[in-house]
Structure formats: structure tokens, C-alpha cells
């Protein structure tokens, strides 16, 4: 059984990823309303599979690592103007979960 918000793919075409927006439990088999190609479509559970998501290649960084990276960019490209006030303003607007302690 899939849940609302979960990404699913078609059994016939695993490259088509769609979010589940409603679970319909009436009948012999669960049906799922998904958002596909800018419209809502209903599929039976047997027509869907769990989406195979690519490996997450994002890395969480600390504020110090971000600062070091931006400083190295300034050294490499002196014409790039990033003031420390902009960096602090930008980093304070990110959710704290991005910068684990």
C-alpha cells in the first residue's frame, strides 16, 4: 500500500514518477489518484510500483564549511563579490537542519 505524498512509478514505465495525492480503498484493490502530466489520474495498485529514486548526492554542510567554500570561490574568482554580511544573511535564512551541529 502506498501513502499520500509517496512517489510511485508505473509498472509499464518506471521512468514516469508521480506523487500519490489520494488513496481510494473501495473495492477489491486499492486505487490511487496521482498527479501525472498536469492532471489527476487514477491507477490500480497493481499498475504501480514504488519509485526507484536516484541516490542522494547532496551533502549537508556546516556553516563553517559553507564559509570556507565561499571564501575559496572568492580567492579563485576575485571579481565575484560576496560580502560576509550576504553570507550570514543567506545562511540564517536556511532551515537549521541543513547545518547540523
N, C-alpha and C. Protein backbone atom coordinates (compact mmCIF):
# COMPACT_ATOMS: atom_id res chain seq x y z
N UNK A 1 0.84 -1.18 0.00
CA UNK A 1 0.00 0.00 0.00
C UNK A 1 0.89 1.24 0.00
N UNK A 2 0.52 2.20 -0.82
CA UNK A 2 1.25 3.46 -0.90
C UNK A 2 0.53 4.50 -0.04
N UNK A 3 1.24 5.54 0.32
CA UNK A 3 0.67 6.60 1.14
C UNK A 3 0.64 7.91 0.37
N UNK A 4 -0.23 8.81 0.80
CA UNK A 4 -0.31 10.14 0.19
C UNK A 4 1.05 10.82 0.32
N UNK A 5 1.52 11.39 -0.78
CA UNK A 5 2.80 12.07 -0.79
C UNK A 5 3.95 11.20 -1.28
N UNK A 6 3.74 9.91 -1.32
CA UNK A 6 4.78 8.99 -1.77
C UNK A 6 4.92 9.04 -3.29
N UNK A 7 6.15 8.93 -3.78
CA UNK A 7 6.38 8.88 -5.22
C UNK A 7 6.25 7.44 -5.70
N UNK A 8 5.47 7.27 -6.77
CA UNK A 8 5.29 5.96 -7.37
C UNK A 8 5.64 6.04 -8.85
N UNK A 9 5.80 4.87 -9.45
CA UNK A 9 6.09 4.79 -10.89
C UNK A 9 5.17 3.75 -11.50
N UNK A 10 4.97 3.87 -12.79
CA UNK A 10 4.16 2.88 -13.49
C UNK A 10 4.93 1.58 -13.64
N UNK A 11 4.25 0.45 -13.51
CA UNK A 11 4.88 -0.84 -13.76
C UNK A 11 5.35 -0.91 -15.21
N UNK A 12 4.56 -0.34 -16.11
CA UNK A 12 4.87 -0.41 -17.54
C UNK A 12 5.96 0.58 -17.97
N UNK A 13 6.19 1.62 -17.16
CA UNK A 13 7.21 2.62 -17.48
C UNK A 13 7.77 3.20 -16.19
N UNK A 14 8.78 2.57 -15.60
CA UNK A 14 9.32 3.01 -14.31
C UNK A 14 9.93 4.41 -14.31
N UNK A 15 10.17 4.98 -15.49
CA UNK A 15 10.73 6.33 -15.56
C UNK A 15 9.70 7.41 -15.29
N UNK A 16 8.42 7.06 -15.32
CA UNK A 16 7.34 8.03 -15.06
C UNK A 16 7.10 8.07 -13.55
N UNK A 17 7.53 9.17 -12.91
CA UNK A 17 7.35 9.33 -11.46
C UNK A 17 6.14 10.23 -11.19
N UNK A 18 5.32 9.83 -10.22
CA UNK A 18 4.11 10.58 -9.89
C UNK A 18 3.88 10.56 -8.38
N UNK A 19 3.45 11.66 -7.80
CA UNK A 19 3.10 11.65 -6.38
C UNK A 19 1.67 11.16 -6.17
N UNK A 20 1.48 10.38 -5.11
CA UNK A 20 0.14 9.93 -4.73
C UNK A 20 -0.55 11.09 -4.02
N UNK A 21 -1.76 11.44 -4.49
CA UNK A 21 -2.48 12.54 -3.84
C UNK A 21 -3.75 12.06 -3.12
N UNK A 22 -4.15 10.80 -3.38
CA UNK A 22 -5.32 10.25 -2.68
C UNK A 22 -5.29 8.73 -2.75
N UNK A 23 -5.67 8.09 -1.66
CA UNK A 23 -5.80 6.63 -1.61
C UNK A 23 -7.28 6.31 -1.58
N UNK A 24 -7.71 5.46 -2.50
CA UNK A 24 -9.13 5.07 -2.60
C UNK A 24 -9.21 3.58 -2.25
N UNK A 25 -9.84 3.27 -1.11
CA UNK A 25 -9.84 1.89 -0.62
C UNK A 25 -11.11 1.12 -0.94
N UNK A 26 -12.03 1.70 -1.66
CA UNK A 26 -13.26 0.99 -2.01
C UNK A 26 -12.98 -0.05 -3.09
N UNK A 27 -13.59 -1.23 -2.96
CA UNK A 27 -13.39 -2.26 -3.97
C UNK A 27 -12.38 -3.31 -3.53
N UNK A 28 -12.09 -4.21 -4.43
CA UNK A 28 -11.20 -5.34 -4.13
C UNK A 28 -9.73 -4.94 -4.08
N UNK A 29 -9.37 -3.89 -4.81
CA UNK A 29 -7.98 -3.48 -4.89
C UNK A 29 -7.89 -1.97 -4.64
N UNK A 30 -6.85 -1.58 -3.91
CA UNK A 30 -6.64 -0.15 -3.68
C UNK A 30 -6.44 0.56 -5.01
N UNK A 31 -6.99 1.76 -5.08
CA UNK A 31 -6.74 2.63 -6.23
C UNK A 31 -6.07 3.89 -5.70
N UNK A 32 -5.30 4.54 -6.57
CA UNK A 32 -4.55 5.72 -6.17
C UNK A 32 -4.74 6.83 -7.18
N UNK A 33 -5.10 7.98 -6.66
CA UNK A 33 -5.17 9.17 -7.51
C UNK A 33 -3.78 9.79 -7.46
N UNK A 34 -3.19 9.98 -8.62
CA UNK A 34 -1.84 10.53 -8.73
C UNK A 34 -1.88 11.78 -9.60
N UNK A 35 -0.83 12.56 -9.51
CA UNK A 35 -0.71 13.75 -10.34
C UNK A 35 0.26 13.41 -11.46
N UNK A 36 -0.27 13.37 -12.69
CA UNK A 36 0.53 12.98 -13.85
C UNK A 36 0.23 13.92 -15.01
N UNK A 37 1.27 14.48 -15.60
CA UNK A 37 1.14 15.37 -16.76
C UNK A 37 0.11 16.48 -16.52
N UNK A 38 0.22 17.15 -15.39
CA UNK A 38 -0.64 18.29 -15.03
C UNK A 38 -2.11 17.93 -14.89
N UNK A 39 -2.39 16.67 -14.60
CA UNK A 39 -3.78 16.29 -14.34
C UNK A 39 -3.81 15.14 -13.32
N UNK A 40 -4.98 14.93 -12.75
CA UNK A 40 -5.16 13.85 -11.79
C UNK A 40 -5.60 12.59 -12.53
N UNK A 41 -4.95 11.48 -12.21
CA UNK A 41 -5.25 10.20 -12.86
C UNK A 41 -5.36 9.13 -11.78
N UNK A 42 -6.22 8.15 -12.01
CA UNK A 42 -6.40 7.06 -11.05
C UNK A 42 -5.80 5.78 -11.63
N UNK A 43 -5.00 5.08 -10.79
CA UNK A 43 -4.41 3.80 -11.16
C UNK A 43 -4.72 2.77 -10.07
N UNK A 44 -4.80 1.51 -10.48
CA UNK A 44 -4.89 0.42 -9.51
C UNK A 44 -3.51 0.15 -8.94
N UNK A 45 -3.50 -0.39 -7.73
CA UNK A 45 -2.23 -0.68 -7.06
C UNK A 45 -1.34 -1.59 -7.91
N UNK A 46 -1.94 -2.54 -8.60
CA UNK A 46 -1.17 -3.47 -9.43
C UNK A 46 -0.49 -2.79 -10.62
N UNK A 47 -0.92 -1.58 -10.96
CA UNK A 47 -0.32 -0.85 -12.07
C UNK A 47 0.87 0.00 -11.62
N UNK A 48 1.06 0.11 -10.30
CA UNK A 48 2.09 0.99 -9.77
C UNK A 48 3.16 0.22 -9.02
N UNK A 49 4.30 0.86 -8.87
CA UNK A 49 5.39 0.33 -8.05
C UNK A 49 6.05 1.49 -7.32
N UNK A 50 6.77 1.16 -6.27
CA UNK A 50 7.50 2.19 -5.53
C UNK A 50 8.56 2.78 -6.46
N UNK A 51 8.67 4.09 -6.46
CA UNK A 51 9.62 4.76 -7.34
C UNK A 51 11.06 4.47 -6.90
N UNK A 52 11.88 4.13 -7.87
CA UNK A 52 13.31 3.93 -7.61
C UNK A 52 13.98 5.29 -7.72
N UNK A 53 14.25 5.90 -6.58
CA UNK A 53 14.84 7.24 -6.57
C UNK A 53 16.35 7.15 -6.72
N UNK A 54 16.94 8.11 -7.45
CA UNK A 54 18.40 8.11 -7.56
C UNK A 54 19.04 8.38 -6.21
N UNK A 55 20.26 7.90 -6.05
CA UNK A 55 20.98 8.13 -4.80
C UNK A 55 21.14 9.62 -4.57
N UNK A 56 20.94 10.02 -3.34
CA UNK A 56 21.06 11.44 -2.99
C UNK A 56 22.52 11.83 -2.93
N UNK A 57 22.93 12.69 -3.85
CA UNK A 57 24.33 13.09 -3.87
C UNK A 57 24.56 14.44 -3.19
N UNK A 58 23.56 14.91 -2.46
CA UNK A 58 23.71 16.14 -1.71
C UNK A 58 24.37 15.85 -0.37
N UNK A 59 25.17 16.78 0.08
CA UNK A 59 25.86 16.60 1.35
C UNK A 59 25.51 17.76 2.27
N UNK A 60 25.12 17.46 3.48
CA UNK A 60 24.87 18.51 4.45
C UNK A 60 26.20 19.14 4.85
N UNK A 61 26.22 20.45 4.94
CA UNK A 61 27.45 21.16 5.33
C UNK A 61 27.17 22.04 6.54
N UNK A 62 28.22 22.30 7.28
CA UNK A 62 28.12 23.20 8.42
C UNK A 62 28.30 24.63 7.93
N UNK A 63 28.01 25.57 8.80
CA UNK A 63 28.20 26.98 8.46
C UNK A 63 29.68 27.25 8.16
N UNK A 64 30.56 26.63 8.93
CA UNK A 64 31.99 26.82 8.71
C UNK A 64 32.43 26.28 7.35
N UNK A 65 31.90 25.12 6.96
CA UNK A 65 32.23 24.56 5.65
C UNK A 65 31.71 25.44 4.52
N UNK A 66 30.50 25.97 4.68
CA UNK A 66 29.93 26.87 3.69
C UNK A 66 30.79 28.13 3.57
N UNK A 67 31.18 28.69 4.70
CA UNK A 67 32.03 29.89 4.70
C UNK A 67 33.36 29.61 4.02
N UNK A 68 33.97 28.46 4.31
CA UNK A 68 35.25 28.09 3.69
C UNK A 68 35.09 27.94 2.18
N UNK A 69 34.00 27.34 1.75
CA UNK A 69 33.77 27.16 0.32
C UNK A 69 33.59 28.51 -0.38
N UNK A 70 32.78 29.38 0.22
CA UNK A 70 32.57 30.70 -0.39
C UNK A 70 33.85 31.52 -0.40
N UNK A 71 34.66 31.39 0.64
CA UNK A 71 35.95 32.09 0.68
C UNK A 71 36.86 31.58 -0.44
N UNK A 72 36.88 30.26 -0.65
CA UNK A 72 37.72 29.72 -1.72
C UNK A 72 37.24 30.18 -3.08
N UNK A 73 35.92 30.34 -3.25
CA UNK A 73 35.41 30.87 -4.51
C UNK A 73 35.85 32.31 -4.72
N UNK A 74 35.87 33.10 -3.66
CA UNK A 74 36.33 34.49 -3.77
C UNK A 74 37.81 34.54 -4.15
N UNK A 75 38.60 33.63 -3.61
CA UNK A 75 40.03 33.59 -3.94
C UNK A 75 40.22 33.19 -5.40
N UNK A 76 39.44 32.20 -5.85
CA UNK A 76 39.55 31.75 -7.23
C UNK A 76 39.04 32.80 -8.22
N UNK A 77 37.99 33.50 -7.86
CA UNK A 77 37.36 34.49 -8.74
C UNK A 77 37.23 35.81 -7.98
N UNK A 78 38.29 36.63 -7.97
CA UNK A 78 38.26 37.86 -7.19
C UNK A 78 37.15 38.83 -7.61
N UNK A 79 36.67 38.71 -8.84
CA UNK A 79 35.61 39.62 -9.29
C UNK A 79 34.25 39.24 -8.70
N UNK A 80 34.19 38.04 -8.16
CA UNK A 80 32.96 37.61 -7.51
C UNK A 80 32.82 38.33 -6.18
N UNK A 81 31.82 39.17 -6.06
CA UNK A 81 31.66 39.99 -4.87
C UNK A 81 30.59 39.39 -3.95
N UNK A 82 31.03 38.74 -2.91
CA UNK A 82 30.12 38.20 -1.90
C UNK A 82 30.61 38.73 -0.56
N UNK A 83 29.85 39.61 0.03
CA UNK A 83 30.27 40.13 1.33
C UNK A 83 29.89 39.14 2.43
N UNK A 84 30.59 39.21 3.55
CA UNK A 84 30.29 38.30 4.65
C UNK A 84 28.89 38.56 5.19
N UNK A 85 28.39 39.80 5.07
CA UNK A 85 27.03 40.09 5.52
C UNK A 85 26.01 39.33 4.67
N UNK A 86 26.26 39.22 3.36
CA UNK A 86 25.35 38.46 2.49
C UNK A 86 25.37 36.99 2.85
N UNK A 87 26.56 36.47 3.14
CA UNK A 87 26.68 35.06 3.52
C UNK A 87 25.93 34.80 4.81
N UNK A 88 26.09 35.66 5.79
CA UNK A 88 25.39 35.48 7.06
C UNK A 88 23.89 35.59 6.88
N UNK A 89 23.45 36.55 6.05
CA UNK A 89 22.02 36.71 5.81
C UNK A 89 21.47 35.48 5.10
N UNK A 90 22.22 34.96 4.13
CA UNK A 90 21.76 33.78 3.39
C UNK A 90 21.74 32.55 4.29
N UNK A 91 22.79 32.37 5.10
CA UNK A 91 22.83 31.17 5.94
C UNK A 91 21.79 31.21 7.05
N UNK A 92 21.42 32.41 7.51
CA UNK A 92 20.41 32.48 8.57
C UNK A 92 19.01 32.22 8.03
N UNK A 93 18.83 32.33 6.70
CA UNK A 93 17.51 32.08 6.14
C UNK A 93 17.28 30.60 5.82
N UNK A 94 18.36 29.77 5.88
CA UNK A 94 18.22 28.34 5.64
C UNK A 94 17.67 27.67 6.90
N UNK A 95 16.91 26.58 6.72
CA UNK A 95 16.47 25.82 7.89
C UNK A 95 17.69 25.26 8.63
N UNK A 96 17.59 25.16 9.93
CA UNK A 96 18.73 24.72 10.73
C UNK A 96 19.09 23.27 10.42
N UNK A 97 18.18 22.49 9.85
CA UNK A 97 18.52 21.09 9.56
C UNK A 97 19.56 20.97 8.45
N UNK A 98 19.75 22.02 7.67
CA UNK A 98 20.77 21.99 6.63
C UNK A 98 22.15 22.07 7.23
N UNK A 99 22.27 22.72 8.38
CA UNK A 99 23.55 22.92 9.02
C UNK A 99 23.59 22.17 10.35
N UNK A 100 23.79 20.85 10.28
CA UNK A 100 23.80 20.09 11.54
C UNK A 100 25.00 20.47 12.40
N UNK A 101 24.81 20.36 13.70
CA UNK A 101 25.92 20.71 14.59
C UNK A 101 26.78 19.53 14.94
